[in-house]
Amino acid sequence: MTHDHDLVLRPTAAQAEAALNPPPGRTGGDLVVETLAGLGATTVFGLSGRPAPGLSDALSRSDLRYVGLRAENNAAFAADAHGRVTGEAAPLLLSAGPGALTSLAALQEAAAASAPVLGISSQIPAAGLGGGRHGYLHELPDQAASFRGVVKSVHTARTQSQIPSAIAEAWRSALTAPHGPVWVEIPQDVLRAPTPIPVVTGVDATPEELVPRPELTAVAADLLSRAARPAIVAGGGVVRADASKKLRRLAELLRAPVVTTFGGKGAFPWTHPLSLRSWLEDRRTTDFLEDADVLLVVGSGLGELSSNHHTFRPRGRIVQIEADLGKLESNHPALGIHADARLALQALLETVTEREDPAAPERVRALLDEVADRIAAQDLTVEQEVLASVRRALPADSPSFWDMTVLTSWAWSAFDAKGPNRMHSAQGAGGPGYAFPAALGAAVADPTRPVLAVSGAGGALYSVAELATARQYGLNVTWIVVDDGGPGASLTDPSVRAAATEPTRPDYVALAESFGVPGVRTTPQTLEADLAKALASAGPSVVVLPAVLRLFAPTHAG
């Protein structure tokens, strides 16, 4: 049976020639590289000098750029950031066993942040798969099992003919909303063996669109149009879906104040009259959201950090738009719309009725004034000035990447990202060592703009090996290290006792210079000038700020 609409991909003359007369010496590794190139990849990440077995020669025969980092976890962080800033799946090539397992913490962050990373790992020879104890180097009974609870999907290619389809399927999975990391395993003997399979020239892995159900958006539009006090929470799903402009138009139609989550920084203009900014850890913002009679939550699961540590108790109706099915109504009952944020917001824009509410901007200003008064009463001038200096020195269009440190906690609430997809942190999974290798990945994606990384003294120790990477590739990354004495130096909760938190740490300026990377020691008063100079200079640089910064008092405990 045939159909007129059946799609048949016919090869071009060049493709037919390549298929009939493949270049000599090709292996299973070439099938991997050719498939990635066919899908549109231009850059792949991995370990410096040691791609997965069977891939080194194949990479040398391709036009793909291989960026090697010094540790697998850092390579995965770099791929995560590359995926975030480009919106495309970032290939990550690793070897089996320890190499693969070392990437897990970074892949957890990619999963939490919906960053599209395509992990491809070698495996022990195909004859050893299945859980037997054959004594192969790097052997695990079931390596894939370690990844199933972390990534979106796991794929195994046991033969060469399975490689293109397995990688294409994984690519599609990574880029179908919600974006996320995926994992492909290929036995090393399959990668290394000569292949009779023609050159891969035609690969289709178009992501599936996650379209909202119209009956749900109709009800949501009616609720929002008739609301007396609507409000909006904009999460990372808005950024990942490139839906910030649609969000702004909807907020303006509804006259609805908008707060952005820490993962959604920049999704709504910071200085807009309807912007509640990001003060989610302030009780006044929590009260404001609880008072909304209809709360639209877009691209957020209202998790711990987005709900003021689960103290949020809504009194009105919630409409939740979320691409991750598991997050729908996971914390609060809602009209749940399982959809990509961009498509769902477009449906609402086509059906809502414009509201009039001249008092909405006044209520927003009153709230922000109350928040400012609370912070001003805590004698935190140095901390606020440090953050303001970073903002003034950093070009508006430059991305920034932040480790889990006190200055990052300030930035979550008080830093103007100047646009969507420009501020990134490890707040999804909360692991250390994210900022610097992630910034390197972003600099690889766009070498025309300086990139900022921010770490504390403890987090920086996870990443110092990548100074070699930054220097090797001449990447335009400036790394602020807040030398605060290491983990625990800024603990403010008297009920928490620090343990072993005074690590011996290096002179970060001397360490940077030993790698050939310029370093400077600064002060809160000279930070802006020193940082601006470093950002304006080509190549990597390190700015060390010796300071113990304090965080504003929490409001969720009392």
Protein backbone atom coordinates (compact mmCIF):
# COMPACT_ATOMS: atom_id res chain seq x y z
CA MET A 1 0.00 0.00 0.00
CA THR A 2 1.39 3.42 -0.93
CA HIS A 3 0.42 6.96 -0.02
CA ASP A 4 0.97 10.13 -1.99
CA HIS A 5 2.19 11.89 1.12
CA ASP A 6 4.87 9.31 1.96
CA LEU A 7 8.19 11.06 2.43
CA VAL A 8 11.16 9.54 0.64
CA LEU A 9 14.60 11.06 1.21
CA ARG A 10 16.47 10.82 -2.08
CA PRO A 11 20.24 11.26 -1.96
CA THR A 12 21.93 14.08 -3.79
CA ALA A 13 24.57 13.25 -6.35
CA ALA A 14 27.30 14.02 -3.80
CA GLN A 15 25.64 11.82 -1.18
CA ALA A 16 25.28 8.97 -3.65
CA GLU A 17 28.94 9.27 -4.61
CA ALA A 18 30.02 9.22 -0.95
CA ALA A 19 27.85 6.18 -0.28
CA LEU A 20 29.16 4.20 -3.25
CA ASN A 21 32.79 5.19 -2.79
CA PRO A 22 33.43 5.70 0.94
CA PRO A 23 36.93 6.83 1.97
CA PRO A 24 39.24 4.05 3.14
CA GLY A 25 39.96 3.29 6.79
CA ARG A 26 36.54 4.10 8.18
CA THR A 27 35.41 2.44 11.42
CA GLY A 28 32.39 2.42 13.69
CA GLY A 29 33.76 5.62 15.20
CA ASP A 30 33.32 7.31 11.82
CA LEU A 31 29.62 6.42 11.91
CA VAL A 32 29.34 8.28 15.22
CA VAL A 33 31.14 11.34 13.92
CA GLU A 34 29.29 11.38 10.60
CA THR A 35 25.93 11.08 12.35
CA LEU A 36 26.74 13.97 14.68
CA ALA A 37 27.79 16.13 11.75
CA GLY A 38 24.65 15.18 9.87
CA LEU A 39 22.53 16.25 12.84
CA GLY A 40 24.19 19.67 12.83
CA ALA A 41 26.78 19.34 15.56
CA THR A 42 29.92 21.42 15.11
CA THR A 43 31.64 20.96 18.48
CA VAL A 44 32.06 17.98 20.78
CA PHE A 45 33.42 17.85 24.33
CA GLY A 46 35.44 15.21 26.10
CA LEU A 47 38.64 14.54 28.01
CA SER A 48 41.81 16.26 26.85
CA GLY A 49 43.75 14.00 24.50
CA ARG A 50 41.55 11.00 25.23
CA PRO A 51 38.26 10.73 23.37
CA ALA A 52 36.31 7.51 23.76
CA PRO A 53 38.17 4.50 22.28
CA GLY A 54 37.70 4.25 18.53
CA LEU A 55 36.82 7.91 18.09
CA SER A 56 40.20 9.68 17.95
CA ASP A 57 40.99 8.78 14.35
CA ALA A 58 37.41 9.39 13.27
CA LEU A 59 37.48 12.88 14.78
CA SER A 60 40.74 13.63 12.97
CA ARG A 61 38.99 12.81 9.68
CA SER A 62 36.02 15.10 10.38
CA ASP A 63 35.33 18.82 10.57
CA LEU A 64 34.01 18.56 14.12
CA ARG A 65 35.87 20.62 16.71
CA TYR A 66 36.95 18.55 19.69
CA VAL A 67 37.33 20.48 22.96
CA GLY A 68 39.14 18.49 25.61
CA LEU A 69 38.87 19.32 29.31
CA ARG A 70 40.89 17.88 32.17
CA ALA A 71 38.12 16.02 34.02
CA GLU A 72 35.00 14.27 32.73
CA ASN A 73 32.67 16.08 35.12
CA ASN A 74 33.99 19.41 33.92
CA ALA A 75 33.61 18.34 30.29
CA ALA A 76 29.96 17.57 31.02
CA PHE A 77 29.50 20.98 32.68
CA ALA A 78 31.01 22.60 29.56
CA ALA A 79 28.65 20.64 27.32
CA ASP A 80 25.73 21.65 29.56
CA ALA A 81 26.51 25.34 29.12
CA HIS A 82 27.10 24.96 25.38
CA GLY A 83 23.66 23.35 25.12
CA ARG A 84 22.03 26.10 27.18
CA VAL A 85 23.43 29.03 25.21
CA THR A 86 22.99 27.50 21.75
CA GLY A 87 19.75 25.60 22.31
CA GLU A 88 21.29 22.63 20.48
CA ALA A 89 22.35 19.25 21.81
CA ALA A 90 25.99 19.30 22.89
CA PRO A 91 27.84 16.01 22.26
CA LEU A 92 29.98 14.66 25.13
CA LEU A 93 32.35 11.78 24.33
CA LEU A 94 33.56 9.63 27.23
CA SER A 95 35.13 6.26 27.90
CA ALA A 96 33.49 3.45 29.84
CA GLY A 97 33.55 2.87 33.59
CA PRO A 98 35.24 5.59 35.67
CA GLY A 99 35.19 8.09 32.82
CA ALA A 100 31.46 7.72 32.29
CA LEU A 101 30.59 7.62 35.99
CA THR A 102 32.60 10.77 36.74
CA SER A 103 30.16 12.76 34.57
CA LEU A 104 27.07 11.83 36.62
CA ALA A 105 27.00 14.87 38.91
CA ALA A 106 27.19 17.24 35.94
CA LEU A 107 24.52 15.32 34.06
CA GLN A 108 22.26 15.64 37.10
CA GLU A 109 22.63 19.41 36.85
CA ALA A 110 21.87 19.26 33.11
CA ALA A 111 18.74 17.24 33.86
CA ALA A 112 17.58 19.64 36.57
CA ALA A 113 18.15 22.64 34.31
CA SER A 114 16.81 21.01 31.12
CA ALA A 115 20.12 21.42 29.29
CA PRO A 116 20.44 19.28 26.13
CA VAL A 117 23.58 17.16 26.44
CA LEU A 118 24.21 14.11 24.23
CA GLY A 119 26.49 11.81 26.17
CA ILE A 120 28.16 9.08 24.12
CA SER A 121 30.22 6.50 25.98
CA SER A 122 32.23 3.54 24.88
CA GLN A 123 31.47 0.20 26.51
CA ILE A 124 33.32 -3.04 27.09
CA PRO A 125 33.36 -5.38 24.08
CA ALA A 126 29.92 -6.48 22.95
CA ALA A 127 30.55 -10.07 24.02
CA GLY A 128 30.90 -8.88 27.62
CA LEU A 129 27.59 -7.02 27.85
CA GLY A 130 24.89 -8.58 29.92
CA GLY A 131 26.24 -8.55 33.44
CA GLY A 132 28.78 -11.33 33.34
CA ARG A 133 32.15 -11.01 35.11
CA HIS A 134 34.64 -11.20 32.24
CA GLY A 135 37.35 -9.01 33.76
CA TYR A 136 37.41 -6.37 31.03
CA LEU A 137 39.01 -3.04 31.93
CA HIS A 138 36.28 -0.58 33.07
CA GLU A 139 33.72 -3.40 33.29
CA LEU A 140 30.47 -2.79 35.16
CA PRO A 141 27.57 -5.26 35.46
CA ASP A 142 25.18 -2.65 34.03
CA GLN A 143 26.75 0.72 33.30
CA ALA A 144 23.54 2.09 31.77
CA ALA A 145 21.68 1.49 35.05
CA SER A 146 23.77 4.21 36.67
CA PHE A 147 22.38 6.73 34.20
CA ARG A 148 18.71 5.78 33.96
CA GLY A 149 17.72 7.74 37.05
CA VAL A 150 19.65 10.81 35.91
CA VAL A 151 19.15 11.35 32.16
CA LYS A 152 16.04 11.55 29.99
CA SER A 153 16.73 8.41 28.00
CA VAL A 154 19.37 5.69 27.58
CA HIS A 155 20.24 4.15 24.21
CA THR A 156 22.55 1.26 23.30
CA ALA A 157 23.98 0.49 19.86
CA ARG A 158 25.30 -3.09 19.87
CA THR A 159 26.15 -3.18 16.16
CA GLN A 160 27.45 -0.64 13.67
CA SER A 161 24.21 -0.49 11.74
CA GLN A 162 22.44 0.62 14.94
CA ILE A 163 24.74 3.59 15.57
CA PRO A 164 23.14 6.28 13.34
CA SER A 165 19.60 5.52 14.45
CA ALA A 166 20.51 5.26 18.15
CA ILE A 167 22.29 8.62 18.09
CA ALA A 168 19.48 10.26 16.10
CA GLU A 169 16.89 8.94 18.53
CA ALA A 170 18.92 10.27 21.47
CA TRP A 171 19.35 13.65 19.76
CA ARG A 172 15.59 13.91 19.25
CA SER A 173 15.00 13.02 22.89
CA ALA A 174 17.47 15.65 24.12
CA LEU A 175 15.76 18.42 22.14
CA THR A 176 12.13 17.44 22.69
CA ALA A 177 10.61 19.55 25.48
CA PRO A 178 11.62 19.40 28.21
CA HIS A 179 15.21 19.46 26.99
CA GLY A 180 17.66 17.33 28.89
CA PRO A 181 20.71 15.07 28.86
CA VAL A 182 20.62 11.68 27.14
CA TRP A 183 23.03 8.75 27.12
CA VAL A 184 24.28 6.46 24.31
CA GLU A 185 26.56 3.45 24.82
CA ILE A 186 28.53 1.69 22.10
CA PRO A 187 30.90 -1.27 22.67
CA GLN A 188 34.51 -0.38 22.01
CA ASP A 189 35.02 -3.23 19.55
CA VAL A 190 32.06 -1.93 17.51
CA LEU A 191 33.65 1.52 17.47
CA ARG A 192 37.07 0.26 16.45
CA ALA A 193 36.12 -2.29 13.81
CA PRO A 194 36.28 -1.38 10.10
CA THR A 195 32.85 -0.64 8.69
CA PRO A 196 31.32 -1.53 5.32
CA ILE A 197 28.39 0.83 5.99
CA PRO A 198 28.20 3.82 3.62
CA VAL A 199 29.00 7.32 4.81
CA VAL A 200 26.11 8.70 6.90
CA THR A 201 24.65 11.56 4.89
CA GLY A 202 20.95 11.72 5.71
CA VAL A 203 19.82 11.92 9.33
CA ASP A 204 16.48 13.24 10.53
CA ALA A 205 15.97 13.84 14.25
CA THR A 206 13.44 16.67 14.30
CA PRO A 207 12.22 17.14 17.89
CA GLU A 208 8.57 16.51 18.61
CA GLU A 209 6.48 19.54 19.55
CA LEU A 210 4.65 19.41 22.88
CA VAL A 211 1.38 21.13 22.00
CA PRO A 212 -1.12 22.20 24.69
CA ARG A 213 -4.60 20.74 24.72
CA PRO A 214 -6.98 23.49 23.54
CA GLU A 215 -9.69 22.78 26.11
CA LEU A 216 -7.16 23.42 28.88
CA THR A 217 -5.83 26.68 27.45
CA ALA A 218 -9.44 27.84 26.94
CA VAL A 219 -10.20 27.34 30.63
CA ALA A 220 -6.90 28.94 31.64
CA ALA A 221 -7.57 31.98 29.46
CA ASP A 222 -11.02 32.40 31.00
CA LEU A 223 -9.64 32.19 34.55
CA LEU A 224 -6.90 34.72 33.83
CA SER A 225 -9.19 37.12 31.98
CA ARG A 226 -11.69 37.21 34.87
CA ALA A 227 -9.09 37.31 37.65
CA ALA A 228 -9.06 40.26 40.06
CA ARG A 229 -5.44 39.81 41.16
CA PRO A 230 -3.57 37.65 38.65
CA ALA A 231 0.16 37.04 39.02
CA ILE A 232 2.77 35.05 37.10
CA VAL A 233 5.73 32.91 38.14
CA ALA A 234 8.17 32.51 35.23
CA GLY A 235 10.60 29.60 35.51
CA GLY A 236 13.45 28.15 33.53
CA GLY A 237 11.01 26.57 31.09
CA VAL A 238 10.30 30.03 29.68
CA VAL A 239 14.01 30.54 28.98
CA ARG A 240 14.56 27.06 27.52
CA ALA A 241 11.54 27.54 25.22
CA ASP A 242 12.69 31.01 24.09
CA ALA A 243 9.31 32.33 25.16
CA SER A 244 10.27 35.53 27.00
CA LYS A 245 8.67 37.89 24.47
CA LYS A 246 5.39 35.98 24.58
CA LEU A 247 5.47 36.05 28.37
CA ARG A 248 5.91 39.82 28.37
CA ARG A 249 3.00 40.35 25.96
CA LEU A 250 0.74 38.15 28.07
CA ALA A 251 1.71 39.90 31.32
CA GLU A 252 0.99 43.27 29.75
CA LEU A 253 -2.40 42.12 28.43
CA LEU A 254 -3.38 40.81 31.85
CA ARG A 255 -1.63 43.56 33.86
CA ALA A 256 -0.20 40.68 35.86
CA PRO A 257 2.93 41.15 38.02
CA VAL A 258 5.71 38.67 37.21
CA VAL A 259 8.34 37.07 39.45
CA THR A 260 11.10 35.00 37.87
CA THR A 261 12.55 31.93 39.53
CA PHE A 262 16.30 31.55 39.94
CA GLY A 263 16.34 29.27 36.90
CA GLY A 264 14.20 31.76 34.98
CA LYS A 265 16.41 34.80 35.51
CA GLY A 266 15.99 37.25 32.66
CA ALA A 267 12.73 35.75 31.43
CA PHE A 268 11.00 39.07 32.22
CA PRO A 269 12.59 42.55 32.06
CA TRP A 270 14.02 43.47 35.46
CA THR A 271 12.92 47.12 35.36
CA HIS A 272 9.47 46.55 33.85
CA PRO A 273 6.66 48.17 35.90
CA LEU A 274 5.16 44.70 36.43
CA SER A 275 8.43 43.04 37.45
CA LEU A 276 8.60 41.60 40.97
CA ARG A 277 12.16 40.61 40.07
CA SER A 278 13.41 37.44 41.77
CA TRP A 279 12.87 37.95 45.48
CA LEU A 280 11.39 34.49 45.96
CA GLU A 281 13.16 34.00 49.29
CA ASP A 282 11.44 37.04 50.77
CA ARG A 283 8.23 36.51 52.71
CA ARG A 284 6.66 39.61 51.21
CA THR A 285 6.90 38.10 47.73
CA THR A 286 5.50 34.83 49.06
CA ASP A 287 2.55 36.73 50.58
CA PHE A 288 1.98 38.58 47.31
CA LEU A 289 1.80 35.32 45.35
CA GLU A 290 -0.43 33.68 47.96
CA ASP A 291 -2.87 36.60 47.60
CA ALA A 292 -3.25 36.12 43.82
CA ASP A 293 -6.69 34.78 42.98
CA VAL A 294 -5.23 33.21 39.81
CA LEU A 295 -1.53 32.37 39.66
CA LEU A 296 -0.04 31.38 36.31
CA VAL A 297 3.09 29.27 36.76
CA VAL A 298 5.06 28.83 33.53
CA GLY A 299 7.99 26.44 33.28
CA SER A 300 8.41 25.84 37.01
CA GLY A 301 7.53 23.00 39.36
CA LEU A 302 7.39 25.39 42.35
CA GLY A 303 10.15 23.42 44.04
CA GLU A 304 12.08 24.27 47.18
CA LEU A 305 13.83 27.44 46.03
CA SER A 306 10.85 28.70 44.00
CA SER A 307 8.40 28.32 46.90
CA ASN A 308 10.45 29.99 49.65
CA HIS A 309 11.48 26.59 50.95
CA HIS A 310 7.99 25.11 50.64
CA THR A 311 6.36 27.79 52.81
CA PHE A 312 4.19 28.99 49.91
CA ARG A 313 0.49 28.32 50.59
CA PRO A 314 -1.64 29.58 47.67
CA ARG A 315 -5.21 30.65 48.37
CA GLY A 316 -6.31 31.10 44.76
CA ARG A 317 -6.35 28.95 41.63
CA ILE A 318 -3.09 27.87 40.02
CA VAL A 319 -2.64 27.38 36.28
CA GLN A 320 0.58 25.47 35.68
CA ILE A 321 2.24 25.17 32.27
CA GLU A 322 5.02 22.59 32.39
CA ALA A 323 6.80 20.46 29.80
CA ASP A 324 8.02 17.98 32.42
CA LEU A 325 5.00 15.78 33.09
CA GLY A 326 6.33 14.71 36.48
CA LYS A 327 6.27 18.31 37.74
CA LEU A 328 2.62 18.96 36.94
CA GLU A 329 0.79 19.40 40.28
CA SER A 330 3.77 17.83 42.04
CA ASN A 331 3.63 20.46 44.81
CA HIS A 332 0.23 22.17 44.52
CA PRO A 333 -3.15 21.34 42.93
CA ALA A 334 -3.49 23.20 39.64
CA LEU A 335 -5.04 23.30 36.22
CA GLY A 336 -2.09 21.47 34.73
CA ILE A 337 -1.19 22.06 31.08
CA HIS A 338 1.44 19.65 29.80
CA ALA A 339 3.06 21.70 27.04
CA ASP A 340 6.05 23.61 25.80
CA ALA A 341 5.94 27.09 27.34
CA ARG A 342 6.21 28.89 23.99
CA LEU A 343 3.27 27.05 22.45
CA ALA A 344 1.09 27.35 25.55
CA LEU A 345 1.76 31.06 25.96
CA GLN A 346 0.92 31.61 22.30
CA ALA A 347 -2.41 29.80 22.81
CA LEU A 348 -3.18 32.05 25.79
CA LEU A 349 -2.26 35.17 23.85
CA GLU A 350 -4.81 34.21 21.21
CA THR A 351 -7.64 33.68 23.71
CA VAL A 352 -7.27 35.92 26.79
CA THR A 353 -9.21 39.14 27.20
CA GLU A 354 -7.24 42.25 28.03
CA ARG A 355 -7.59 43.45 31.62
CA GLU A 356 -7.40 46.92 33.10
CA ASP A 357 -5.59 47.28 36.43
CA PRO A 358 -3.85 50.64 36.85
CA ALA A 359 -2.98 49.77 40.46
CA ALA A 360 -0.83 46.74 39.54
CA PRO A 361 2.43 48.71 39.02
CA GLU A 362 1.83 50.52 42.32
CA ARG A 363 1.49 47.22 44.18
CA VAL A 364 4.73 46.02 42.56
CA ARG A 365 6.60 49.18 43.59
CA ALA A 366 5.27 48.92 47.15
CA LEU A 367 6.51 45.33 47.43
CA LEU A 368 9.96 46.11 46.05
CA ASP A 369 10.25 49.07 48.43
CA GLU A 370 9.44 46.81 51.37
CA VAL A 371 12.07 44.30 50.26
CA ALA A 372 14.66 47.07 49.87
CA ASP A 373 13.86 48.42 53.35
CA ARG A 374 14.31 44.97 54.87
CA ILE A 375 17.71 44.50 53.21
CA ALA A 376 18.81 48.05 54.11
CA ALA A 377 18.16 47.35 57.79
CA GLN A 378 20.69 44.47 57.87
CA ASP A 379 23.97 46.35 57.34
CA LEU A 380 24.85 44.51 54.13
CA THR A 381 26.29 47.44 52.19
CA VAL A 382 29.48 45.63 51.16
CA GLU A 383 27.60 42.64 49.76
CA GLN A 384 25.23 44.84 47.78
CA GLU A 385 28.07 46.94 46.41
CA VAL A 386 30.06 43.84 45.37
CA LEU A 387 27.08 42.54 43.40
CA ALA A 388 26.44 45.97 41.87
CA SER A 389 30.11 46.20 40.85
CA VAL A 390 29.86 42.86 39.05
CA ARG A 391 26.75 44.04 37.21
CA ARG A 392 28.31 47.34 36.15
CA ALA A 393 31.50 45.67 34.92
CA LEU A 394 29.85 42.85 33.00
CA PRO A 395 28.66 43.76 29.47
CA ALA A 396 24.88 43.53 29.21
CA ASP A 397 24.95 40.79 26.58
CA SER A 398 27.56 38.61 28.30
CA PRO A 399 26.49 35.35 29.96
CA SER A 400 27.51 34.56 33.52
CA PHE A 401 27.88 31.26 35.36
CA TRP A 402 27.70 30.94 39.13
CA ASP A 403 28.79 28.28 41.62
CA MET A 404 26.93 27.57 44.84
CA THR A 405 28.31 30.41 46.97
CA VAL A 406 27.02 33.35 49.01
CA LEU A 407 27.43 35.83 46.18
CA THR A 408 25.35 33.51 44.01
CA SER A 409 22.55 33.51 46.57
CA TRP A 410 22.58 37.29 46.35
CA ALA A 411 22.55 37.13 42.57
CA TRP A 412 19.56 34.79 42.51
CA SER A 413 17.45 37.47 44.17
CA ALA A 414 19.13 40.77 43.33
CA PHE A 415 21.08 40.46 40.05
CA ASP A 416 19.66 41.84 36.81
CA ALA A 417 20.52 39.25 34.17
CA LYS A 418 19.79 41.83 31.42
CA GLY A 419 17.93 39.28 29.33
CA PRO A 420 16.99 35.63 29.04
CA ASN A 421 19.60 32.86 28.94
CA ARG A 422 22.35 35.08 30.35
CA MET A 423 22.59 34.01 34.00
CA HIS A 424 23.17 30.36 34.82
CA SER A 425 23.91 28.65 38.10
CA ALA A 426 24.06 25.18 39.60
CA GLN A 427 20.82 25.73 41.49
CA GLY A 428 19.14 22.82 39.73
CA ALA A 429 21.12 20.06 41.45
CA GLY A 430 23.24 22.18 43.77
CA GLY A 431 26.62 20.60 43.06
CA PRO A 432 29.95 22.46 43.39
CA GLY A 433 32.45 23.27 40.66
CA TYR A 434 29.96 24.21 37.94
CA ALA A 435 30.79 27.81 37.11
CA PHE A 436 34.23 27.82 35.51
CA PRO A 437 33.96 24.77 33.21
CA ALA A 438 30.44 25.85 32.24
CA ALA A 439 31.75 29.29 31.34
CA LEU A 440 34.39 27.63 29.15
CA GLY A 441 31.64 25.80 27.27
CA ALA A 442 29.78 29.06 26.69
CA ALA A 443 32.94 30.75 25.47
CA VAL A 444 33.46 27.93 22.96
CA ALA A 445 29.90 28.51 21.69
CA ASP A 446 30.40 32.26 21.25
CA PRO A 447 34.00 33.54 21.30
CA THR A 448 32.89 37.10 20.47
CA ARG A 449 31.62 37.94 23.97
CA PRO A 450 33.45 37.78 27.32
CA VAL A 451 32.00 35.25 29.75
CA LEU A 452 31.98 35.51 33.54
CA ALA A 453 32.37 32.70 36.08
CA VAL A 454 31.87 33.21 39.83
CA SER A 455 33.08 30.73 42.49
CA GLY A 456 33.90 30.62 46.17
CA ALA A 457 37.21 29.28 47.43
CA GLY A 458 35.80 25.80 47.99
CA GLY A 459 34.03 25.48 44.65
CA ALA A 460 37.05 26.84 42.81
CA LEU A 461 39.16 23.90 43.94
CA TYR A 462 36.92 21.58 41.90
CA SER A 463 37.80 23.47 38.72
CA VAL A 464 41.41 24.67 38.92
CA ALA A 465 42.62 22.04 36.42
CA GLU A 466 40.55 23.78 33.75
CA LEU A 467 42.84 26.79 33.88
CA ALA A 468 44.94 24.65 31.54
CA THR A 469 41.94 24.28 29.21
CA ALA A 470 41.21 28.01 29.28
CA ARG A 471 44.81 28.78 28.44
CA GLN A 472 45.10 26.09 25.75
CA TYR A 473 42.11 27.38 23.79
CA GLY A 474 42.52 31.07 24.68
CA LEU A 475 38.90 31.25 25.87
CA ASN A 476 37.47 34.63 26.85
CA VAL A 477 36.45 33.72 30.39
CA THR A 478 37.05 35.86 33.46
CA TRP A 479 36.82 33.91 36.70
CA ILE A 480 35.97 35.69 39.96
CA VAL A 481 37.10 33.65 42.95
CA VAL A 482 35.63 34.98 46.19
CA ASP A 483 38.35 33.81 48.57
CA ASP A 484 36.14 33.41 51.61
CA GLY A 485 37.94 30.70 53.51
CA GLY A 486 36.20 27.76 51.91
CA PRO A 487 32.95 25.92 52.61
CA GLY A 488 31.20 26.91 55.81
CA ALA A 489 33.00 30.23 56.20
CA SER A 490 29.74 32.12 55.77
CA LEU A 491 27.36 29.94 57.74
CA THR A 492 24.84 32.19 59.47
CA ASP A 493 22.53 29.58 60.98
CA PRO A 494 23.59 29.11 64.63
CA SER A 495 22.00 25.66 64.66
CA VAL A 496 24.47 24.44 62.03
CA ARG A 497 27.99 23.65 63.18
CA ALA A 498 30.74 23.78 60.58
CA ALA A 499 33.03 20.78 60.35
CA ALA A 500 36.43 20.65 58.64
CA THR A 501 35.71 23.87 56.77
CA GLU A 502 39.09 25.58 56.93
CA PRO A 503 40.87 23.91 54.02
CA THR A 504 44.40 24.75 53.10
CA ARG A 505 43.93 26.63 49.85
CA PRO A 506 46.28 28.05 47.25
CA ASP A 507 47.21 31.56 46.33
CA TYR A 508 44.74 31.77 43.44
CA VAL A 509 46.57 34.62 41.72
CA ALA A 510 49.86 32.73 41.74
CA LEU A 511 48.08 29.54 40.71
CA ALA A 512 46.47 31.24 37.71
CA GLU A 513 49.77 32.77 36.66
CA SER A 514 51.48 29.38 36.87
CA PHE A 515 49.14 28.31 34.07
CA GLY A 516 49.96 31.43 32.08
CA VAL A 517 46.60 33.01 32.98
CA PRO A 518 46.69 36.63 34.22
CA GLY A 519 45.51 37.06 37.80
CA VAL A 520 44.77 40.04 40.02
CA ARG A 521 43.87 40.40 43.69
CA THR A 522 41.16 42.98 44.22
CA THR A 523 39.02 44.55 46.95
CA PRO A 524 35.32 45.42 47.13
CA GLN A 525 36.30 49.01 46.35
CA THR A 526 38.42 48.18 43.27
CA LEU A 527 36.42 45.19 42.02
CA GLU A 528 34.49 47.05 39.33
CA ALA A 529 37.58 48.50 37.68
CA ASP A 530 39.64 45.31 37.96
CA LEU A 531 36.82 43.15 36.64
CA ALA A 532 36.03 45.48 33.75
CA LYS A 533 39.69 45.45 32.72
CA ALA A 534 39.86 41.66 32.87
CA LEU A 535 36.67 41.25 30.86
CA ALA A 536 37.94 43.64 28.20
CA SER A 537 41.18 41.68 27.77
CA ALA A 538 41.39 38.80 25.32
CA GLY A 539 41.77 35.31 26.73
CA PRO A 540 41.21 33.93 30.23
CA SER A 541 41.83 35.81 33.47
CA VAL A 542 41.27 35.38 37.20
CA VAL A 543 40.11 38.05 39.65
CA VAL A 544 40.50 37.09 43.32
CA LEU A 545 38.35 38.88 45.89
CA PRO A 546 39.39 38.07 49.48
CA ALA A 547 36.13 38.63 51.38
CA VAL A 548 33.74 36.84 53.68
CA LEU A 549 30.32 37.89 52.43
CA ARG A 550 27.12 37.53 54.44
CA LEU A 551 23.68 36.63 53.18
CA PHE A 552 20.52 38.51 54.04
CA ALA A 553 18.43 36.97 56.81
CA PRO A 554 15.99 34.26 55.69
CA THR A 555 12.26 34.83 55.98
CA HIS A 556 11.01 31.26 55.63
CA ALA A 557 11.91 30.26 59.18
CA GLY A 558 9.83 32.76 61.04
